[in-house]
Amino acid sequence: MEIKLNGEWTEFPDDATVADVLEHTGGPRPGIAVAVDGVVVRRADWAATPVPKGAGVDVLTAVQGG
């Protein structure tokens, strides 16, 4: 299936979870948040949250500054 990962269409297995998508981006790391179709997914739920076909997934990194 294809999902839109950070604005680019990317192929994943049909049973991909948020955790699987993160592995594709270099793995889970501190300071990131994930939203699926605009809804933030709690870190504790990443492994159990399926990503639907055609979903928009945004992996965001927190940045400090002023």
N, C-alpha and C. Protein backbone atom coordinates (compact mmCIF):
# COMPACT_ATOMS: atom_id res chain seq x y z
N MET A 1 0.84 -1.18 0.00
CA MET A 1 0.00 0.00 0.00
C MET A 1 0.88 1.23 0.00
N GLU A 2 0.33 2.35 -0.42
CA GLU A 2 1.06 3.61 -0.38
C GLU A 2 0.47 4.52 0.68
N ILE A 3 1.36 5.22 1.38
CA ILE A 3 0.95 6.27 2.31
C ILE A 3 1.75 7.51 1.96
N LYS A 4 1.27 8.65 2.40
CA LYS A 4 1.98 9.90 2.16
C LYS A 4 2.77 10.23 3.42
N LEU A 5 4.05 9.92 3.40
CA LEU A 5 4.94 10.10 4.54
C LEU A 5 5.68 11.43 4.40
N ASN A 6 5.38 12.36 5.29
CA ASN A 6 5.99 13.69 5.24
C ASN A 6 5.90 14.30 3.85
N GLY A 7 4.75 14.12 3.21
CA GLY A 7 4.49 14.74 1.91
C GLY A 7 4.91 13.94 0.69
N GLU A 8 5.53 12.77 0.88
CA GLU A 8 5.97 11.95 -0.26
C GLU A 8 5.33 10.59 -0.21
N TRP A 9 4.80 10.14 -1.34
CA TRP A 9 4.18 8.82 -1.41
C TRP A 9 5.25 7.75 -1.24
N THR A 10 4.99 6.82 -0.32
CA THR A 10 5.95 5.79 0.03
C THR A 10 5.22 4.46 0.17
N GLU A 11 5.84 3.39 -0.29
CA GLU A 11 5.24 2.05 -0.25
C GLU A 11 5.55 1.36 1.08
N PHE A 12 4.51 0.75 1.68
CA PHE A 12 4.64 -0.02 2.91
C PHE A 12 3.80 -1.28 2.79
N PRO A 13 4.09 -2.30 3.62
CA PRO A 13 3.24 -3.50 3.65
C PRO A 13 1.83 -3.12 4.11
N ASP A 14 0.85 -3.92 3.72
CA ASP A 14 -0.54 -3.63 4.05
C ASP A 14 -0.82 -3.58 5.55
N ASP A 15 -0.03 -4.28 6.36
CA ASP A 15 -0.28 -4.32 7.80
C ASP A 15 0.65 -3.39 8.59
N ALA A 16 1.18 -2.36 7.95
CA ALA A 16 2.14 -1.47 8.60
C ALA A 16 1.51 -0.70 9.76
N THR A 17 2.30 -0.52 10.80
CA THR A 17 1.89 0.27 11.96
C THR A 17 2.70 1.56 11.99
N VAL A 18 2.35 2.44 12.90
CA VAL A 18 3.12 3.67 13.06
C VAL A 18 4.58 3.32 13.39
N ALA A 19 4.80 2.31 14.22
CA ALA A 19 6.17 1.89 14.56
C ALA A 19 6.94 1.44 13.32
N ASP A 20 6.28 0.74 12.41
CA ASP A 20 6.93 0.30 11.16
C ASP A 20 7.34 1.51 10.32
N VAL A 21 6.48 2.49 10.24
CA VAL A 21 6.79 3.70 9.48
C VAL A 21 7.99 4.41 10.09
N LEU A 22 8.04 4.47 11.42
CA LEU A 22 9.17 5.11 12.07
C LEU A 22 10.49 4.38 11.81
N GLU A 23 10.45 3.06 11.76
CA GLU A 23 11.67 2.30 11.44
C GLU A 23 12.20 2.72 10.07
N HIS A 24 11.31 3.00 9.14
CA HIS A 24 11.69 3.45 7.80
C HIS A 24 12.39 4.81 7.84
N THR A 25 12.05 5.63 8.84
CA THR A 25 12.64 6.97 8.94
C THR A 25 13.86 7.01 9.85
N GLY A 26 14.35 5.87 10.29
CA GLY A 26 15.53 5.83 11.14
C GLY A 26 15.24 5.39 12.56
N GLY A 27 14.02 5.00 12.83
CA GLY A 27 13.66 4.48 14.14
C GLY A 27 13.15 5.56 15.08
N PRO A 28 12.42 5.12 16.11
CA PRO A 28 11.92 6.08 17.08
C PRO A 28 13.07 6.72 17.83
N ARG A 29 12.94 7.98 18.12
CA ARG A 29 13.98 8.71 18.83
C ARG A 29 13.32 9.79 19.69
N PRO A 30 14.04 10.29 20.66
CA PRO A 30 13.47 11.33 21.53
C PRO A 30 13.10 12.58 20.73
N GLY A 31 12.07 13.25 21.17
CA GLY A 31 11.72 14.54 20.59
C GLY A 31 10.92 14.49 19.31
N ILE A 32 10.31 13.35 18.99
CA ILE A 32 9.49 13.30 17.79
C ILE A 32 8.04 13.04 18.16
N ALA A 33 7.16 13.46 17.26
CA ALA A 33 5.74 13.19 17.38
C ALA A 33 5.27 12.67 16.03
N VAL A 34 4.20 11.87 16.05
CA VAL A 34 3.67 11.30 14.82
C VAL A 34 2.19 11.61 14.74
N ALA A 35 1.75 12.07 13.57
CA ALA A 35 0.33 12.30 13.32
C ALA A 35 -0.09 11.48 12.11
N VAL A 36 -1.24 10.83 12.21
CA VAL A 36 -1.82 10.07 11.09
C VAL A 36 -3.10 10.79 10.71
N ASP A 37 -3.15 11.27 9.48
CA ASP A 37 -4.28 12.06 8.99
C ASP A 37 -4.63 13.19 9.94
N GLY A 38 -3.59 13.86 10.46
CA GLY A 38 -3.78 15.03 11.29
C GLY A 38 -4.05 14.77 12.76
N VAL A 39 -4.09 13.50 13.16
CA VAL A 39 -4.36 13.15 14.55
C VAL A 39 -3.08 12.61 15.18
N VAL A 40 -2.62 13.25 16.26
CA VAL A 40 -1.40 12.81 16.92
C VAL A 40 -1.62 11.45 17.57
N VAL A 41 -0.65 10.55 17.37
CA VAL A 41 -0.70 9.20 17.96
C VAL A 41 0.25 9.18 19.15
N ARG A 42 -0.26 8.78 20.30
CA ARG A 42 0.59 8.70 21.50
C ARG A 42 1.71 7.69 21.30
N ARG A 43 2.86 8.00 21.81
CA ARG A 43 4.04 7.13 21.69
C ARG A 43 3.73 5.70 22.16
N ALA A 44 2.98 5.57 23.23
CA ALA A 44 2.63 4.24 23.76
C ALA A 44 1.78 3.42 22.79
N ASP A 45 1.16 4.08 21.82
CA ASP A 45 0.28 3.40 20.87
C ASP A 45 0.91 3.14 19.51
N TRP A 46 2.14 3.56 19.29
CA TRP A 46 2.76 3.44 17.97
C TRP A 46 2.76 2.00 17.44
N ALA A 47 3.12 1.04 18.28
CA ALA A 47 3.24 -0.35 17.81
C ALA A 47 1.88 -0.97 17.51
N ALA A 48 0.82 -0.46 18.10
CA ALA A 48 -0.51 -1.05 17.93
C ALA A 48 -1.40 -0.26 16.98
N THR A 49 -0.92 0.85 16.45
CA THR A 49 -1.75 1.69 15.59
C THR A 49 -1.47 1.40 14.12
N PRO A 50 -2.46 0.80 13.42
CA PRO A 50 -2.27 0.54 12.00
C PRO A 50 -2.35 1.83 11.19
N VAL A 51 -1.64 1.85 10.08
CA VAL A 51 -1.68 2.99 9.18
C VAL A 51 -2.52 2.58 7.97
N PRO A 52 -3.65 3.26 7.74
CA PRO A 52 -4.51 2.88 6.62
C PRO A 52 -3.91 3.26 5.27
N LYS A 53 -4.29 2.53 4.26
CA LYS A 53 -3.86 2.81 2.89
C LYS A 53 -4.24 4.24 2.54
N GLY A 54 -3.29 4.97 1.95
CA GLY A 54 -3.53 6.34 1.51
C GLY A 54 -3.45 7.38 2.61
N ALA A 55 -3.13 6.97 3.84
CA ALA A 55 -3.07 7.91 4.96
C ALA A 55 -1.92 8.89 4.79
N GLY A 56 -2.10 10.04 5.40
CA GLY A 56 -1.02 11.02 5.49
C GLY A 56 -0.36 10.86 6.85
N VAL A 57 0.93 10.57 6.86
CA VAL A 57 1.67 10.39 8.11
C VAL A 57 2.75 11.46 8.18
N ASP A 58 2.73 12.22 9.27
CA ASP A 58 3.74 13.26 9.47
C ASP A 58 4.57 12.90 10.70
N VAL A 59 5.88 12.85 10.51
CA VAL A 59 6.82 12.63 11.60
C VAL A 59 7.47 13.96 11.86
N LEU A 60 7.22 14.50 13.06
CA LEU A 60 7.67 15.85 13.39
C LEU A 60 8.74 15.81 14.48
N THR A 61 9.73 16.67 14.36
CA THR A 61 10.79 16.75 15.35
C THR A 61 10.66 18.07 16.11
N ALA A 62 10.68 17.98 17.44
CA ALA A 62 10.62 19.18 18.27
C ALA A 62 11.93 19.95 18.15
N VAL A 63 11.82 21.26 18.06
CA VAL A 63 13.00 22.12 17.93
C VAL A 63 12.91 23.21 18.97
N GLN A 64 14.00 23.43 19.68
CA GLN A 64 14.05 24.52 20.65
C GLN A 64 14.59 25.78 20.00
N GLY A 65 14.21 26.86 20.55
CA GLY A 65 14.73 28.12 20.04
C GLY A 65 13.81 29.26 20.40
N GLY A 66 14.20 30.41 19.98
CA GLY A 66 13.38 31.56 20.34
C GLY A 66 13.27 32.54 19.25
